[in-house]
Amino acid sequence: QSDVHSDETHKLMEAKKLVHTECVMYRTVSNEFP
C-alpha cells in the first residue's frame, strides 16, 4: 500500500477472516514546481 490509504481493505479482509498482511511500500510526496 501507499503511506496514505483508507481502512476499507482491512475491514473487508477482517470480515472474511482472511490471513493477510498490509504493508507500506511506497509514498506520495510533493513535486515542486520548477
Full PDB file with SEQRES, HELIX, SHEET, SSBOND, CRYST1, ORIGX, SCALE, CONECT and MASTER records, all heavy atoms in Angstrom:
SEQRES   1 A   34  GLN SER ASP VAL HIS SER ASP GLU THR HIS LYS LEU MET          
SEQRES   2 A   34  GLU ALA LYS LYS LEU VAL HIS THR GLU CYS VAL MET TYR          
SEQRES   3 A   34  ARG THR VAL SER ASN GLU PHE PRO                              
HELIX    1 AA1 GLU A    8  ALA A   15  1                                   8    
CRYST1    1.000    1.000    1.000  90.00  90.00  90.00 P 1           1          
ORIGX1      1.000000  0.000000  0.000000        0.00000                         
ORIGX2      0.000000  1.000000  0.000000        0.00000                         
ORIGX3      0.000000  0.000000  1.000000        0.00000                         
SCALE1      1.000000  0.000000  0.000000        0.00000                         
SCALE2      0.000000  1.000000  0.000000        0.00000                         
SCALE3      0.000000  0.000000  1.000000        0.00000                         
ATOM      1  N   GLN A   1       0.825  -1.202   0.000  1.00  0.00           N  
ATOM      2  CA  GLN A   1       0.000   0.000   0.000  1.00  0.00           C  
ATOM      3  C   GLN A   1       0.863   1.257   0.000  1.00  0.00           C  
ATOM      4  O   GLN A   1       2.066   1.216   0.238  1.00  0.00           O  
ATOM      5  CB  GLN A   1      -0.902   0.012   1.237  1.00  0.00           C  
ATOM      6  CG  GLN A   1      -1.945  -1.094   1.266  1.00  0.00           C  
ATOM      7  CD  GLN A   1      -2.805  -1.029   2.520  1.00  0.00           C  
ATOM      8  OE1 GLN A   1      -2.335  -0.639   3.588  1.00  0.00           O  
ATOM      9  NE2 GLN A   1      -4.068  -1.404   2.398  1.00  0.00           N  
ATOM     10  N   SER A   2       0.185   2.375  -0.233  1.00  0.00           N  
ATOM     11  CA  SER A   2       0.817   3.677  -0.090  1.00  0.00           C  
ATOM     12  C   SER A   2       0.772   4.077   1.381  1.00  0.00           C  
ATOM     13  O   SER A   2       0.029   3.482   2.176  1.00  0.00           O  
ATOM     14  CB  SER A   2       0.067   4.719  -0.929  1.00  0.00           C  
ATOM     15  OG  SER A   2       0.444   6.025  -0.560  1.00  0.00           O  
ATOM     16  N   ASP A   3       1.561   5.084   1.746  1.00  0.00           N  
ATOM     17  CA  ASP A   3       1.520   5.573   3.119  1.00  0.00           C  
ATOM     18  C   ASP A   3       0.181   6.259   3.426  1.00  0.00           C  
ATOM     19  O   ASP A   3      -0.196   6.415   4.584  1.00  0.00           O  
ATOM     20  CB  ASP A   3       2.682   6.536   3.390  1.00  0.00           C  
ATOM     21  CG  ASP A   3       2.652   7.764   2.480  1.00  0.00           C  
ATOM     22  OD1 ASP A   3       2.141   7.643   1.350  1.00  0.00           O  
ATOM     23  OD2 ASP A   3       3.155   8.826   2.890  1.00  0.00           O  
ATOM     24  N   VAL A   4      -0.534   6.651   2.366  1.00  0.00           N  
ATOM     25  CA  VAL A   4      -1.867   7.232   2.539  1.00  0.00           C  
ATOM     26  C   VAL A   4      -2.895   6.251   1.969  1.00  0.00           C  
ATOM     27  O   VAL A   4      -2.947   6.030   0.767  1.00  0.00           O  
ATOM     28  CB  VAL A   4      -1.984   8.593   1.819  1.00  0.00           C  
ATOM     29  CG1 VAL A   4      -3.381   9.162   2.001  1.00  0.00           C  
ATOM     30  CG2 VAL A   4      -0.933   9.565   2.332  1.00  0.00           C  
ATOM     31  N   HIS A   5      -3.697   5.652   2.841  1.00  0.00           N  
ATOM     32  CA  HIS A   5      -4.703   4.689   2.387  1.00  0.00           C  
ATOM     33  C   HIS A   5      -5.839   4.627   3.395  1.00  0.00           C  
ATOM     34  O   HIS A   5      -5.688   5.011   4.557  1.00  0.00           O  
ATOM     35  CB  HIS A   5      -4.085   3.299   2.203  1.00  0.00           C  
ATOM     36  CG  HIS A   5      -3.412   2.782   3.452  1.00  0.00           C  
ATOM     37  ND1 HIS A   5      -2.082   2.989   3.710  1.00  0.00           N  
ATOM     38  CD2 HIS A   5      -3.902   2.093   4.510  1.00  0.00           C  
ATOM     39  CE1 HIS A   5      -1.763   2.445   4.872  1.00  0.00           C  
ATOM     40  NE2 HIS A   5      -2.852   1.891   5.386  1.00  0.00           N  
ATOM     41  N   SER A   6      -6.982   4.157   2.927  1.00  0.00           N  
ATOM     42  CA  SER A   6      -8.141   4.031   3.813  1.00  0.00           C  
ATOM     43  C   SER A   6      -8.101   2.676   4.505  1.00  0.00           C  
ATOM     44  O   SER A   6      -7.280   1.812   4.171  1.00  0.00           O  
ATOM     45  CB  SER A   6      -9.436   4.170   3.010  1.00  0.00           C  
ATOM     46  OG  SER A   6      -9.625   3.023   2.203  1.00  0.00           O  
ATOM     47  N   ASP A   7      -9.017   2.472   5.455  1.00  0.00           N  
ATOM     48  CA  ASP A   7      -9.082   1.184   6.163  1.00  0.00           C  
ATOM     49  C   ASP A   7     -10.135   0.260   5.561  1.00  0.00           C  
ATOM     50  O   ASP A   7     -10.487  -0.765   6.147  1.00  0.00           O  
ATOM     51  CB  ASP A   7      -9.352   1.399   7.652  1.00  0.00           C  
ATOM     52  CG  ASP A   7     -10.659   2.135   7.918  1.00  0.00           C  
ATOM     53  OD1 ASP A   7     -11.307   2.559   6.937  1.00  0.00           O  
ATOM     54  OD2 ASP A   7     -11.033   2.286   9.092  1.00  0.00           O  
ATOM     55  N   GLU A   8     -10.642   0.607   4.353  1.00  0.00           N  
ATOM     56  CA  GLU A   8     -11.675  -0.212   3.703  1.00  0.00           C  
ATOM     57  C   GLU A   8     -11.190  -1.640   3.487  1.00  0.00           C  
ATOM     58  O   GLU A   8     -11.891  -2.612   3.804  1.00  0.00           O  
ATOM     59  CB  GLU A   8     -12.073   0.400   2.355  1.00  0.00           C  
ATOM     60  CG  GLU A   8     -13.085  -0.452   1.585  1.00  0.00           C  
ATOM     61  CD  GLU A   8     -13.274  -0.022   0.135  1.00  0.00           C  
ATOM     62  OE1 GLU A   8     -12.527   0.860  -0.338  1.00  0.00           O  
ATOM     63  OE2 GLU A   8     -14.165  -0.591  -0.531  1.00  0.00           O  
ATOM     64  N   THR A   9      -9.977  -1.774   2.941  1.00  0.00           N  
ATOM     65  CA  THR A   9      -9.437  -3.102   2.647  1.00  0.00           C  
ATOM     66  C   THR A   9      -9.322  -3.924   3.920  1.00  0.00           C  
ATOM     67  O   THR A   9      -9.725  -5.102   3.958  1.00  0.00           O  
ATOM     68  CB  THR A   9      -8.045  -2.974   1.997  1.00  0.00           C  
ATOM     69  OG1 THR A   9      -8.126  -2.080   0.893  1.00  0.00           O  
ATOM     70  CG2 THR A   9      -7.565  -4.326   1.502  1.00  0.00           C  
ATOM     71  N   HIS A  10      -8.788  -3.327   4.963  1.00  0.00           N  
ATOM     72  CA  HIS A  10      -8.607  -4.036   6.229  1.00  0.00           C  
ATOM     73  C   HIS A  10      -9.938  -4.561   6.762  1.00  0.00           C  
ATOM     74  O   HIS A  10     -10.043  -5.725   7.187  1.00  0.00           O  
ATOM     75  CB  HIS A  10      -7.956  -3.099   7.247  1.00  0.00           C  
ATOM     76  CG  HIS A  10      -7.777  -3.725   8.598  1.00  0.00           C  
ATOM     77  ND1 HIS A  10      -6.752  -4.619   8.874  1.00  0.00           N  
ATOM     78  CD2 HIS A  10      -8.501  -3.609   9.757  1.00  0.00           C  
ATOM     79  CE1 HIS A  10      -6.852  -5.017  10.133  1.00  0.00           C  
ATOM     80  NE2 HIS A  10      -7.893  -4.424  10.682  1.00  0.00           N  
ATOM     81  N   LYS A  11     -10.963  -3.725   6.732  1.00  0.00           N  
ATOM     82  CA  LYS A  11     -12.275  -4.126   7.249  1.00  0.00           C  
ATOM     83  C   LYS A  11     -12.870  -5.280   6.454  1.00  0.00           C  
ATOM     84  O   LYS A  11     -13.442  -6.220   7.019  1.00  0.00           O  
ATOM     85  CB  LYS A  11     -13.230  -2.935   7.230  1.00  0.00           C  
ATOM     86  CG  LYS A  11     -12.899  -1.864   8.268  1.00  0.00           C  
ATOM     87  CD  LYS A  11     -13.869  -0.701   8.170  1.00  0.00           C  
ATOM     88  CE  LYS A  11     -13.577   0.354   9.228  1.00  0.00           C  
ATOM     89  NZ  LYS A  11     -14.485   1.525   9.120  1.00  0.00           N  
ATOM     90  N   LEU A  12     -12.728  -5.217   5.119  1.00  0.00           N  
ATOM     91  CA  LEU A  12     -13.270  -6.279   4.262  1.00  0.00           C  
ATOM     92  C   LEU A  12     -12.532  -7.600   4.487  1.00  0.00           C  
ATOM     93  O   LEU A  12     -13.151  -8.665   4.538  1.00  0.00           O  
ATOM     94  CB  LEU A  12     -13.166  -5.861   2.789  1.00  0.00           C  
ATOM     95  CG  LEU A  12     -14.114  -4.747   2.335  1.00  0.00           C  
ATOM     96  CD1 LEU A  12     -13.738  -4.259   0.943  1.00  0.00           C  
ATOM     97  CD2 LEU A  12     -15.566  -5.238   2.334  1.00  0.00           C  
ATOM     98  N   MET A  13     -11.209  -7.524   4.616  1.00  0.00           N  
ATOM     99  CA  MET A  13     -10.411  -8.735   4.841  1.00  0.00           C  
ATOM    100  C   MET A  13     -10.737  -9.346   6.197  1.00  0.00           C  
ATOM    101  O   MET A  13     -10.851 -10.569   6.331  1.00  0.00           O  
ATOM    102  CB  MET A  13      -8.924  -8.400   4.754  1.00  0.00           C  
ATOM    103  CG  MET A  13      -8.453  -7.873   3.403  1.00  0.00           C  
ATOM    104  SD  MET A  13      -8.410  -9.131   2.116  1.00  0.00           S  
ATOM    105  CE  MET A  13      -6.917  -9.991   2.557  1.00  0.00           C  
ATOM    106  N   GLU A  14     -10.877  -8.497   7.210  1.00  0.00           N  
ATOM    107  CA  GLU A  14     -11.202  -8.988   8.553  1.00  0.00           C  
ATOM    108  C   GLU A  14     -12.584  -9.637   8.582  1.00  0.00           C  
ATOM    109  O   GLU A  14     -12.786 -10.652   9.247  1.00  0.00           O  
ATOM    110  CB  GLU A  14     -11.148  -7.822   9.552  1.00  0.00           C  
ATOM    111  CG  GLU A  14      -9.736  -7.336   9.873  1.00  0.00           C  
ATOM    112  CD  GLU A  14      -8.949  -8.353  10.665  1.00  0.00           C  
ATOM    113  OE1 GLU A  14      -9.487  -8.919  11.642  1.00  0.00           O  
ATOM    114  OE2 GLU A  14      -7.782  -8.613  10.283  1.00  0.00           O  
ATOM    115  N   ALA A  15     -13.509  -9.047   7.836  1.00  0.00           N  
ATOM    116  CA  ALA A  15     -14.870  -9.593   7.810  1.00  0.00           C  
ATOM    117  C   ALA A  15     -14.887 -11.005   7.232  1.00  0.00           C  
ATOM    118  O   ALA A  15     -15.689 -11.853   7.660  1.00  0.00           O  
ATOM    119  CB  ALA A  15     -15.781  -8.680   7.002  1.00  0.00           C  
ATOM    120  N   LYS A  16     -14.022 -11.267   6.283  1.00  0.00           N  
ATOM    121  CA  LYS A  16     -13.937 -12.600   5.660  1.00  0.00           C  
ATOM    122  C   LYS A  16     -12.934 -13.506   6.369  1.00  0.00           C  
ATOM    123  O   LYS A  16     -12.728 -14.651   5.969  1.00  0.00           O  
ATOM    124  CB  LYS A  16     -13.539 -12.455   4.180  1.00  0.00           C  
ATOM    125  CG  LYS A  16     -14.609 -11.812   3.312  1.00  0.00           C  
ATOM    126  CD  LYS A  16     -15.845 -12.678   3.197  1.00  0.00           C  
ATOM    127  CE  LYS A  16     -16.882 -12.051   2.287  1.00  0.00           C  
ATOM    128  NZ  LYS A  16     -18.112 -12.881   2.215  1.00  0.00           N  
ATOM    129  N   LYS A  17     -12.290 -12.975   7.410  1.00  0.00           N  
ATOM    130  CA  LYS A  17     -11.307 -13.724   8.202  1.00  0.00           C  
ATOM    131  C   LYS A  17     -10.183 -14.278   7.328  1.00  0.00           C  
ATOM    132  O   LYS A  17      -9.767 -15.436   7.486  1.00  0.00           O  
ATOM    133  CB  LYS A  17     -12.004 -14.836   8.981  1.00  0.00           C  
ATOM    134  CG  LYS A  17     -13.022 -14.312   9.994  1.00  0.00           C  
ATOM    135  CD  LYS A  17     -13.680 -15.434  10.775  1.00  0.00           C  
ATOM    136  CE  LYS A  17     -14.679 -14.856  11.786  1.00  0.00           C  
ATOM    137  NZ  LYS A  17     -15.350 -15.928  12.588  1.00  0.00           N  
ATOM    138  N   LEU A  18      -9.701 -13.441   6.419  1.00  0.00           N  
ATOM    139  CA  LEU A  18      -8.611 -13.851   5.540  1.00  0.00           C  
ATOM    140  C   LEU A  18      -7.270 -13.522   6.196  1.00  0.00           C  
ATOM    141  O   LEU A  18      -7.087 -12.451   6.781  1.00  0.00           O  
ATOM    142  CB  LEU A  18      -8.716 -13.135   4.190  1.00  0.00           C  
ATOM    143  CG  LEU A  18      -9.977 -13.445   3.376  1.00  0.00           C  
ATOM    144  CD1 LEU A  18     -10.027 -12.589   2.119  1.00  0.00           C  
ATOM    145  CD2 LEU A  18     -10.036 -14.923   3.016  1.00  0.00           C  
ATOM    146  N   VAL A  19      -6.332 -14.453   6.087  1.00  0.00           N  
ATOM    147  CA  VAL A  19      -4.994 -14.230   6.638  1.00  0.00           C  
ATOM    148  C   VAL A  19      -4.264 -13.258   5.720  1.00  0.00           C  
ATOM    149  O   VAL A  19      -4.070 -13.544   4.531  1.00  0.00           O  
ATOM    150  CB  VAL A  19      -4.213 -15.558   6.738  1.00  0.00           C  
ATOM    151  CG1 VAL A  19      -2.807 -15.306   7.270  1.00  0.00           C  
ATOM    152  CG2 VAL A  19      -4.959 -16.547   7.628  1.00  0.00           C  
ATOM    153  N   HIS A  20      -3.873 -12.109   6.241  1.00  0.00           N  
ATOM    154  CA  HIS A  20      -3.271 -11.103   5.379  1.00  0.00           C  
ATOM    155  C   HIS A  20      -2.334 -10.177   6.158  1.00  0.00           C  
ATOM    156  O   HIS A  20      -2.429 -10.064   7.386  1.00  0.00           O  
ATOM    157  CB  HIS A  20      -4.353 -10.243   4.708  1.00  0.00           C  
ATOM    158  CG  HIS A  20      -5.076  -9.344   5.646  1.00  0.00           C  
ATOM    159  ND1 HIS A  20      -6.007  -9.814   6.557  1.00  0.00           N  
ATOM    160  CD2 HIS A  20      -5.012  -8.007   5.841  1.00  0.00           C  
ATOM    161  CE1 HIS A  20      -6.493  -8.808   7.245  1.00  0.00           C  
ATOM    162  NE2 HIS A  20      -5.896  -7.691   6.853  1.00  0.00           N  
ATOM    163  N   THR A  21      -1.441  -9.536   5.415  1.00  0.00           N  
ATOM    164  CA  THR A  21      -0.531  -8.536   5.975  1.00  0.00           C  
ATOM    165  C   THR A  21      -0.583  -7.305   5.091  1.00  0.00           C  
ATOM    166  O   THR A  21      -0.380  -7.404   3.880  1.00  0.00           O  
ATOM    167  CB  THR A  21       0.920  -9.061   6.027  1.00  0.00           C  
ATOM    168  OG1 THR A  21       0.964 -10.271   6.772  1.00  0.00           O  
ATOM    169  CG2 THR A  21       1.838  -8.023   6.670  1.00  0.00           C  
ATOM    170  N   GLU A  22      -0.879  -6.166   5.692  1.00  0.00           N  
ATOM    171  CA  GLU A  22      -0.844  -4.900   4.956  1.00  0.00           C  
ATOM    172  C   GLU A  22       0.493  -4.225   5.258  1.00  0.00           C  
ATOM    173  O   GLU A  22       0.914  -4.164   6.407  1.00  0.00           O  
ATOM    174  CB  GLU A  22      -2.000  -4.006   5.402  1.00  0.00           C  
ATOM    175  CG  GLU A  22      -3.367  -4.627   5.132  1.00  0.00           C  
ATOM    176  CD  GLU A  22      -4.458  -3.986   5.957  1.00  0.00           C  
ATOM    177  OE1 GLU A  22      -4.580  -2.751   5.894  1.00  0.00           O  
ATOM    178  OE2 GLU A  22      -5.158  -4.717   6.679  1.00  0.00           O  
ATOM    179  N   CYS A  23       1.155  -3.740   4.211  1.00  0.00           N  
ATOM    180  CA  CYS A  23       2.452  -3.098   4.420  1.00  0.00           C  
ATOM    181  C   CYS A  23       2.598  -1.897   3.493  1.00  0.00           C  
ATOM    182  O   CYS A  23       2.039  -1.867   2.399  1.00  0.00           O  
ATOM    183  CB  CYS A  23       3.593  -4.083   4.192  1.00  0.00           C  
ATOM    184  SG  CYS A  23       3.663  -4.732   2.502  1.00  0.00           S  
ATOM    185  N   VAL A  24       3.337  -0.897   3.946  1.00  0.00           N  
ATOM    186  CA  VAL A  24       3.608   0.289   3.133  1.00  0.00           C  
ATOM    187  C   VAL A  24       4.868   0.034   2.311  1.00  0.00           C  
ATOM    188  O   VAL A  24       5.911  -0.336   2.856  1.00  0.00           O  
ATOM    189  CB  VAL A  24       3.801   1.534   4.018  1.00  0.00           C  
ATOM    190  CG1 VAL A  24       4.234   2.731   3.179  1.00  0.00           C  
ATOM    191  CG2 VAL A  24       2.518   1.844   4.770  1.00  0.00           C  
ATOM    192  N   MET A  25       4.760   0.193   0.991  1.00  0.00           N  
ATOM    193  CA  MET A  25       5.917   0.009   0.115  1.00  0.00           C  
ATOM    194  C   MET A  25       6.268   1.273  -0.666  1.00  0.00           C  
ATOM    195  O   MET A  25       7.344   1.370  -1.236  1.00  0.00           O  
ATOM    196  CB  MET A  25       5.672  -1.141  -0.866  1.00  0.00           C  
ATOM    197  CG  MET A  25       5.796  -2.513  -0.242  1.00  0.00           C  
ATOM    198  SD  MET A  25       5.908  -3.810  -1.492  1.00  0.00           S  
ATOM    199  CE  MET A  25       6.326  -5.226  -0.448  1.00  0.00           C  
ATOM    200  N   TYR A  26       5.346   2.251  -0.706  1.00  0.00           N  
ATOM    201  CA  TYR A  26       5.619   3.489  -1.437  1.00  0.00           C  
ATOM    202  C   TYR A  26       4.845   4.635  -0.800  1.00  0.00           C  
ATOM    203  O   TYR A  26       3.944   4.418   0.007  1.00  0.00           O  
ATOM    204  CB  TYR A  26       5.247   3.342  -2.914  1.00  0.00           C  
ATOM    205  CG  TYR A  26       3.831   2.868  -3.171  1.00  0.00           C  
ATOM    206  CD1 TYR A  26       2.831   3.751  -3.542  1.00  0.00           C  
ATOM    207  CD2 TYR A  26       3.492   1.516  -3.055  1.00  0.00           C  
ATOM    208  CE1 TYR A  26       1.537   3.311  -3.797  1.00  0.00           C  
ATOM    209  CE2 TYR A  26       2.199   1.074  -3.302  1.00  0.00           C  
ATOM    210  CZ  TYR A  26       1.236   1.970  -3.666  1.00  0.00           C  
ATOM    211  OH  TYR A  26      -0.053   1.539  -3.901  1.00  0.00           O  
ATOM    212  N   ARG A  27       5.222   5.850  -1.119  1.00  0.00           N  
ATOM    213  CA  ARG A  27       4.592   7.013  -0.505  1.00  0.00           C  
ATOM    214  C   ARG A  27       4.408   8.121  -1.527  1.00  0.00           C  
ATOM    215  O   ARG A  27       5.127   8.191  -2.533  1.00  0.00           O  
ATOM    216  CB  ARG A  27       5.425   7.512   0.677  1.00  0.00           C  
ATOM    217  CG  ARG A  27       6.839   7.878   0.314  1.00  0.00           C  
ATOM    218  CD  ARG A  27       7.613   8.440   1.496  1.00  0.00           C  
ATOM    219  NE  ARG A  27       9.037   8.327   1.254  1.00  0.00           N  
ATOM    220  CZ  ARG A  27       9.878   7.601   1.987  1.00  0.00           C  
ATOM    221  NH1 ARG A  27       9.430   6.931   3.037  1.00  0.00           N  
ATOM    222  NH2 ARG A  27      11.149   7.539   1.689  1.00  0.00           N  
ATOM    223  N   THR A  28       3.469   8.997  -1.228  1.00  0.00           N  
ATOM    224  CA  THR A  28       3.188  10.156  -2.065  1.00  0.00           C  
ATOM    225  C   THR A  28       3.884  11.377  -1.478  1.00  0.00           C  
ATOM    226  O   THR A  28       3.738  11.663  -0.289  1.00  0.00           O  
ATOM    227  CB  THR A  28       1.674  10.414  -2.142  1.00  0.00           C  
ATOM    228  OG1 THR A  28       1.019   9.253  -2.668  1.00  0.00           O  
ATOM    229  CG2 THR A  28       1.372  11.598  -3.034  1.00  0.00           C  
ATOM    230  N   VAL A  29       4.667  12.071  -2.300  1.00  0.00           N  
ATOM    231  CA  VAL A  29       5.385  13.259  -1.830  1.00  0.00           C  
ATOM    232  C   VAL A  29       5.105  14.428  -2.775  1.00  0.00           C  
ATOM    233  O   VAL A  29       4.696  14.248  -3.925  1.00  0.00           O  
ATOM    234  CB  VAL A  29       6.912  13.005  -1.751  1.00  0.00           C  
ATOM    235  CG1 VAL A  29       7.224  11.919  -0.738  1.00  0.00           C  
ATOM    236  CG2 VAL A  29       7.479  12.635  -3.115  1.00  0.00           C  
ATOM    237  N   SER A  30       5.353  15.624  -2.284  1.00  0.00           N  
ATOM    238  CA  SER A  30       5.149  16.830  -3.079  1.00  0.00           C  
ATOM    239  C   SER A  30       6.174  16.915  -4.206  1.00  0.00           C  
ATOM    240  O   SER A  30       7.336  16.568  -4.031  1.00  0.00           O  
ATOM    241  CB  SER A  30       5.263  18.059  -2.177  1.00  0.00           C  
ATOM    242  OG  SER A  30       5.136  19.248  -2.921  1.00  0.00           O  
ATOM    243  N   ASN A  31       5.721  17.348  -5.374  1.00  0.00           N  
ATOM    244  CA  ASN A  31       6.606  17.538  -6.527  1.00  0.00           C  
ATOM    245  C   ASN A  31       6.684  19.035  -6.809  1.00  0.00           C  
ATOM    246  O   ASN A  31       5.718  19.635  -7.282  1.00  0.00           O  
ATOM    247  CB  ASN A  31       6.051  16.790  -7.740  1.00  0.00           C  
ATOM    248  CG  ASN A  31       7.004  16.820  -8.918  1.00  0.00           C  
ATOM    249  OD1 ASN A  31       8.214  16.881  -8.756  1.00  0.00           O  
ATOM    250  ND2 ASN A  31       6.458  16.776 -10.119  1.00  0.00           N  
ATOM    251  N   GLU A  32       7.814  19.652  -6.485  1.00  0.00           N  
ATOM    252  CA  GLU A  32       7.931  21.106  -6.552  1.00  0.00           C  
ATOM    253  C   GLU A  32       7.821  21.643  -7.972  1.00  0.00           C  
ATOM    254  O   GLU A  32       8.303  21.021  -8.922  1.00  0.00           O  
ATOM    255  CB  GLU A  32       9.258  21.551  -5.928  1.00  0.00           C  
ATOM    256  CG  GLU A  32       9.335  21.298  -4.425  1.00  0.00           C  
ATOM    257  CD  GLU A  32      10.598  21.865  -3.817  1.00  0.00           C  
ATOM    258  OE1 GLU A  32      11.377  22.518  -4.551  1.00  0.00           O  
ATOM    259  OE2 GLU A  32      10.809  21.656  -2.611  1.00  0.00           O  
ATOM    260  N   PHE A  33       7.184  22.798  -8.084  1.00  0.00           N  
ATOM    261  CA  PHE A  33       7.118  23.489  -9.370  1.00  0.00           C  
ATOM    262  C   PHE A  33       8.504  24.065  -9.656  1.00  0.00           C  
ATOM    263  O   PHE A  33       9.152  24.598  -8.757  1.00  0.00           O  
ATOM    264  CB  PHE A  33       6.079  24.609  -9.323  1.00  0.00           C  
ATOM    265  CG  PHE A  33       5.736  25.172 -10.678  1.00  0.00           C  
ATOM    266  CD1 PHE A  33       4.911  24.480 -11.541  1.00  0.00           C  
ATOM    267  CD2 PHE A  33       6.269  26.392 -11.087  1.00  0.00           C  
ATOM    268  CE1 PHE A  33       4.597  24.988 -12.792  1.00  0.00           C  
ATOM    269  CE2 PHE A  33       5.967  26.909 -12.334  1.00  0.00           C  
ATOM    270  CZ  PHE A  33       5.134  26.198 -13.194  1.00  0.00           C  
ATOM    271  N   PRO A  34       8.991  23.945 -10.909  1.00  0.00           N  
ATOM    272  CA  PRO A  34      10.362  24.383 -11.231  1.00  0.00           C  
ATOM    273  C   PRO A  34      10.633  25.834 -10.805  1.00  0.00           C  
ATOM    274  O   PRO A  34       9.875  26.742 -11.153  1.00  0.00           O  
ATOM    275  CB  PRO A  34      10.421  24.242 -12.758  1.00  0.00           C  
ATOM    276  CG  PRO A  34       9.408  23.195 -13.068  1.00  0.00           C  
ATOM    277  CD  PRO A  34       8.303  23.386 -12.086  1.00  0.00           C  
TER     278      PRO A  34                                                      
MASTER        0    0    0    1    0    0    0    6  277    1    0    3          
END                                                                             
